[in-house]
Amino acid sequence: FGNRFITVFLWSAVGARPLMLNQPCRVIRCGSGTDDEAITAAGTPALLRGFAANETAGATAQFVIRDGVDNTGAIIMTVNLAASESAREYFPFAIEVDTALWLERVTGNIDVNVFV
């Protein structure tokens, strides 16, 4: 396509709003720790575009990203990390979250950044 810029729209099943693939994202830094925490405020729909995580204590770790305001929300993904491992994912298609994004740190000390 040469130098042409192509915009792609995806139509969400919820509310039929377009999800543009070329939109810039925000990085929400959850920081390092062992506590569970809200990624976005309750009642704030979001588009989850990815994450970057690093295990910081030299032991295995697991975290869960949920659609909700606590550890009972619907599981979007579970990530397992080996000692001192880092992982990152950037999704080609955003995941629409209805309620809010919640980070559950199941085990270990994990530094997490979430892309919305």
Protein backbone atom coordinates (compact mmCIF):
# COMPACT_ATOMS: atom_id res chain seq x y z
CA PHE A 1 0.00 0.00 0.00
CA GLY A 2 2.99 2.29 -0.17
CA ASN A 3 2.79 5.33 2.09
CA ARG A 4 -0.97 5.20 2.57
CA PHE A 5 -2.28 5.16 6.14
CA ILE A 6 -4.99 2.59 6.67
CA THR A 7 -7.52 2.87 9.48
CA VAL A 8 -9.37 -0.27 10.48
CA PHE A 9 -12.56 -0.22 12.49
CA LEU A 10 -13.95 -3.12 14.48
CA TRP A 11 -17.54 -2.95 15.58
CA SER A 12 -18.07 -3.94 19.17
CA ALA A 13 -21.00 -6.21 19.96
CA VAL A 14 -21.75 -4.02 22.97
CA GLY A 15 -23.06 -0.62 21.96
CA ALA A 16 -21.84 -0.97 18.35
CA ARG A 17 -19.02 1.50 18.76
CA PRO A 18 -15.94 1.33 16.56
CA LEU A 19 -12.70 0.05 18.08
CA MET A 20 -9.87 1.66 16.13
CA LEU A 21 -6.70 -0.37 15.89
CA ASN A 22 -4.41 2.61 15.37
CA GLN A 23 -5.44 4.60 18.45
CA PRO A 24 -2.71 5.40 20.96
CA CYS A 25 -3.03 3.74 24.34
CA ARG A 26 -2.45 4.84 27.92
CA VAL A 27 -0.13 3.00 30.26
CA ILE A 28 -1.46 2.45 33.78
CA ARG A 29 1.36 1.62 36.17
CA CYS A 30 0.21 -0.67 38.94
CA GLY A 31 3.70 -0.80 40.37
CA SER A 32 5.49 -3.53 42.22
CA GLY A 33 3.92 -5.40 45.09
CA THR A 34 1.80 -8.24 46.36
CA ASP A 35 -1.53 -6.45 46.95
CA ASP A 36 -4.57 -6.63 44.67
CA GLU A 37 -5.67 -3.31 43.19
CA ALA A 38 -8.03 -1.50 40.85
CA ILE A 39 -6.54 -0.76 37.44
CA THR A 40 -9.44 1.45 36.39
CA ALA A 41 -12.22 3.00 38.49
CA ALA A 42 -15.44 1.10 39.14
CA GLY A 43 -18.06 1.71 36.48
CA THR A 44 -15.42 2.69 33.93
CA PRO A 45 -15.59 0.57 30.78
CA ALA A 46 -12.18 0.15 29.18
CA LEU A 47 -10.37 -1.39 26.27
CA LEU A 48 -7.60 -3.71 27.45
CA ARG A 49 -4.80 -3.57 24.88
CA GLY A 50 -2.06 -5.45 26.71
CA PHE A 51 0.29 -5.63 29.68
CA ALA A 52 3.93 -5.80 30.70
CA ALA A 53 4.88 -7.62 33.90
CA ASN A 54 8.05 -8.51 35.76
CA GLU A 55 8.52 -10.85 38.72
CA THR A 56 10.71 -8.91 41.17
CA ALA A 57 11.40 -11.21 44.16
CA GLY A 58 13.19 -14.14 42.51
CA ALA A 59 10.30 -16.59 42.96
CA THR A 60 7.40 -17.82 40.84
CA ALA A 61 4.40 -15.53 40.57
CA GLN A 62 0.87 -15.45 39.20
CA PHE A 63 -1.55 -12.64 38.53
CA VAL A 64 -5.06 -12.40 37.12
CA ILE A 65 -6.63 -9.48 35.22
CA ARG A 66 -10.36 -9.36 35.83
CA ASP A 67 -13.42 -7.50 34.55
CA GLY A 68 -14.76 -6.25 37.86
CA VAL A 69 -14.04 -4.36 41.05
CA ASP A 70 -12.60 -7.21 43.15
CA ASN A 71 -11.39 -10.82 43.01
CA THR A 72 -14.87 -12.09 42.08
CA GLY A 73 -14.96 -10.39 38.65
CA ALA A 74 -14.85 -12.36 35.42
CA ILE A 75 -11.35 -13.59 34.59
CA ILE A 76 -9.94 -12.03 31.44
CA MET A 77 -6.53 -13.68 31.70
CA THR A 78 -4.20 -15.48 34.09
CA VAL A 79 -0.44 -14.98 33.76
CA ASN A 80 2.22 -17.21 35.36
CA LEU A 81 5.80 -15.98 35.71
CA ALA A 82 8.94 -17.94 36.60
CA ALA A 83 11.49 -16.44 38.99
CA SER A 84 12.82 -13.13 37.60
CA GLU A 85 10.81 -13.60 34.38
CA SER A 86 9.15 -10.80 32.48
CA ALA A 87 6.22 -11.07 30.08
CA ARG A 88 4.48 -8.68 27.77
CA GLU A 89 1.53 -8.90 25.43
CA TYR A 90 0.03 -6.30 23.14
CA PHE A 91 -3.21 -7.49 21.61
CA PRO A 92 -3.95 -6.77 17.94
CA PHE A 93 -7.60 -6.39 18.94
CA ALA A 94 -8.55 -4.67 22.20
CA ILE A 95 -10.57 -6.60 24.78
CA GLU A 96 -13.65 -4.64 25.81
CA VAL A 97 -14.22 -4.56 29.58
CA ASP A 98 -17.67 -3.64 30.86
CA THR A 99 -17.25 -2.94 34.59
CA ALA A 100 -13.64 -2.05 35.40
CA LEU A 101 -10.19 -3.63 35.28
CA TRP A 102 -8.94 -5.32 38.45
CA LEU A 103 -5.48 -6.78 39.15
CA GLU A 104 -5.36 -9.81 41.43
CA ARG A 105 -1.84 -10.73 42.49
CA VAL A 106 -2.27 -14.40 43.40
CA THR A 107 1.34 -15.19 44.35
CA GLY A 108 4.68 -13.44 44.27
CA ASN A 109 5.86 -9.87 43.93
CA ILE A 110 5.00 -8.49 40.52
CA ASP A 111 5.57 -5.14 38.78
CA VAL A 112 2.70 -4.64 36.31
CA ASN A 113 1.89 -2.05 33.64
CA VAL A 114 -1.44 -2.31 31.81
CA PHE A 115 -2.14 -0.79 28.38
CA VAL A 116 -5.65 0.63 27.89
